[in-house]
C-alpha atoms as a PDB file:
ATOM      1  CA  MET A   1       4.809 -10.259  -5.228  1.00  0.00           C
ATOM      2  CA  GLU A   2       6.912  -9.591  -2.301  1.00  0.00           C
ATOM      3  CA  PRO A   3       7.057 -13.177  -1.207  1.00  0.00           C
ATOM      4  CA  ILE A   4       8.482 -14.197  -4.762  1.00  0.00           C
ATOM      5  CA  THR A   5      11.104 -11.546  -4.894  1.00  0.00           C
ATOM      6  CA  THR A   6      11.992 -12.562  -1.000  1.00  0.00           C
ATOM      7  CA  LEU A   7      12.475 -16.266  -1.981  1.00  0.00           C
ATOM      8  CA  LEU A   8      14.285 -15.055  -5.489  1.00  0.00           C
ATOM      9  CA  THR A   9      16.853 -13.073  -3.333  1.00  0.00           C
ATOM     10  CA  ASN A  10      17.236 -16.047  -1.040  1.00  0.00           C
ATOM     11  CA  VAL A  11      18.153 -18.314  -3.411  1.00  0.00           C
ATOM     12  CA  SER A  12      20.327 -16.099  -5.475  1.00  0.00           C
ATOM     13  CA  ASN A  13      22.423 -15.766  -1.993  1.00  0.00           C
ATOM     14  CA  ILE A  14      22.377 -19.467  -1.238  1.00  0.00           C
ATOM     15  CA  THR A  15      23.998 -19.557  -4.418  1.00  0.00           C
ATOM     16  CA  VAL A  16      26.641 -16.960  -4.181  1.00  0.00           C
ATOM     17  CA  TYR A  17      27.198 -18.269  -0.803  1.00  0.00           C
ATOM     18  CA  MET A  18      27.763 -21.895  -1.802  1.00  0.00           C
ATOM     19  CA  ALA A  19      29.781 -21.147  -5.246  1.00  0.00           C
ATOM     20  CA  GLY A  20      31.786 -18.988  -3.239  1.00  0.00           C
ATOM     21  CA  VAL A  21      32.730 -20.971  -0.673  1.00  0.00           C
ATOM     22  CA  TYR A  22      33.573 -23.806  -3.072  1.00  0.00           C
ATOM     23  CA  PHE A  23      36.104 -21.208  -5.341  1.00  0.00           C
ATOM     24  CA  LEU A  24      37.832 -20.316  -1.922  1.00  0.00           C
ATOM     25  CA  SER A  25      38.253 -23.558  -0.692  1.00  0.00           C
ATOM     26  CA  VAL A  26      39.842 -24.904  -4.466  1.00  0.00           C
ATOM     27  CA  GLY A  27      41.708 -21.158  -4.245  1.00  0.00           C
ATOM     28  CA  GLU A  28      39.918 -19.914  -7.706  1.00  0.00           C
ATOM     29  CA  ILE A  29      39.222 -16.229  -5.648  1.00  0.00           C
ATOM     30  CA  GLN A  30      40.008 -14.629  -2.295  1.00  0.00           C
ATOM     31  CA  LEU A  31      37.821 -13.655   0.339  1.00  0.00           C
ATOM     32  CA  GLY A  32      38.100 -10.223  -0.546  1.00  0.00           C
ATOM     33  CA  THR A  33      36.554 -11.122  -3.963  1.00  0.00           C
ATOM     34  CA  LEU A  34      33.849 -13.212  -1.740  1.00  0.00           C
ATOM     35  CA  LEU A  35      32.819 -10.699   0.080  1.00  0.00           C
ATOM     36  CA  ALA A  36      32.933  -7.913  -2.788  1.00  0.00           C
ATOM     37  CA  VAL A  37      30.346 -10.574  -4.578  1.00  0.00           C
ATOM     38  CA  ILE A  38      28.376 -10.935  -1.802  1.00  0.00           C
ATOM     39  CA  MET A  39      28.110  -6.830  -1.269  1.00  0.00           C
ATOM     40  CA  TYR A  40      27.527  -6.066  -4.732  1.00  0.00           C
ATOM     41  CA  GLY A  41      24.590  -8.954  -4.906  1.00  0.00           C
ATOM     42  CA  GLN A  42      23.147  -7.129  -1.816  1.00  0.00           C
ATOM     43  CA  LEU A  43      23.229  -3.966  -3.640  1.00  0.00           C
ATOM     44  CA  LEU A  44      21.338  -5.564  -6.491  1.00  0.00           C
ATOM     45  CA  THR A  45      18.636  -6.566  -4.633  1.00  0.00           C
ATOM     46  CA  LYS A  46      17.791  -3.817  -2.890  1.00  0.00           C
ATOM     47  CA  PRO A  47      15.940  -1.742  -5.834  1.00  0.00           C
ATOM     48  CA  ILE A  48      14.241  -5.082  -6.316  1.00  0.00           C
ATOM     49  CA  LYS A  49      12.870  -4.993  -2.280  1.00  0.00           C
ATOM     50  CA  LYS A  50      11.844  -1.513  -2.954  1.00  0.00           C
ATOM     51  CA  LEU A  51       9.935  -1.742  -6.154  1.00  0.00           C
ATOM     52  CA  SER A  52       8.052  -4.996  -4.683  1.00  0.00           C
ATOM     53  CA  THR A  53       7.077  -3.063  -1.486  1.00  0.00           C
ATOM     54  CA  SER A  54       6.214  -0.402  -3.693  1.00  0.00           C
ATOM     55  CA  MET A  55       3.748  -2.486  -6.333  1.00  0.00           C
ATOM     56  CA  ALA A  56       2.109  -3.567  -3.187  1.00  0.00           C
ATOM     57  CA  SER A  57       1.214  -0.601  -1.825  1.00  0.00           C
ATOM     58  CA  ILE A  58      -0.069   0.457  -5.196  1.00  0.00           C
ATOM     59  CA  GLU A  59      -1.916  -2.678  -5.250  1.00  0.00           C
ATOM     60  CA  THR A  60      -3.463  -2.159  -1.697  1.00  0.00           C
ATOM     61  CA  ALA A  61      -4.303   1.060  -2.937  1.00  0.00           C
ATOM     62  CA  TYR A  62      -6.377   0.127  -6.138  1.00  0.00           C
ATOM     63  CA  SER A  63      -8.545  -2.838  -4.013  1.00  0.00           C
ATOM     64  CA  SER A  64      -9.229   0.092  -1.871  1.00  0.00           C
ATOM     65  CA  ILE A  65     -10.367   2.456  -4.391  1.00  0.00           C
ATOM     66  CA  LYS A  66     -12.325  -0.221  -6.092  1.00  0.00           C
ATOM     67  CA  ARG A  67     -14.024  -1.284  -2.598  1.00  0.00           C
ATOM     68  CA  ILE A  68     -15.071   2.902  -2.197  1.00  0.00           C
ATOM     69  CA  PHE A  69     -16.348   2.714  -5.595  1.00  0.00           C
ATOM     70  CA  ALA A  70     -18.526  -0.025  -4.946  1.00  0.00           C
ATOM     71  CA  ILE A  71     -20.127   1.049  -2.182  1.00  0.00           C
ATOM     72  CA  ILE A  72     -20.485   4.440  -3.544  1.00  0.00           C
ATOM     73  CA  ASP A  73     -22.798   2.649  -6.483  1.00  0.00           C
ATOM     74  CA  TYR A  74     -24.724   0.787  -4.106  1.00  0.00           C
ATOM     75  CA  CYS A  75     -25.660   3.603  -2.572  1.00  0.00           C
ATOM     76  CA  LYS A  76     -26.411   5.476  -5.832  1.00  0.00           C
ATOM     77  CA  GLU A  77     -28.710   2.241  -6.638  1.00  0.00           C
ATOM     78  CA  GLU A  78     -31.032   2.932  -3.654  1.00  0.00           C
END
């Protein structure tokens, strides 16, 4: 899940940068507005990255539990 969120974050950042530079060059926005939008975008993506990291940890723990129970079941059969 983490690679997907990283990809989506990078794509959204590139889109914001390209649109921001375009609007800045035609005079639609000012530099401060562009920087504010970029900072707000980064603030929005931080919780998403933390959530994906937590999900990866939970998936790892679940896999470990399944393996441990498989070993316990194997030992009980013998």
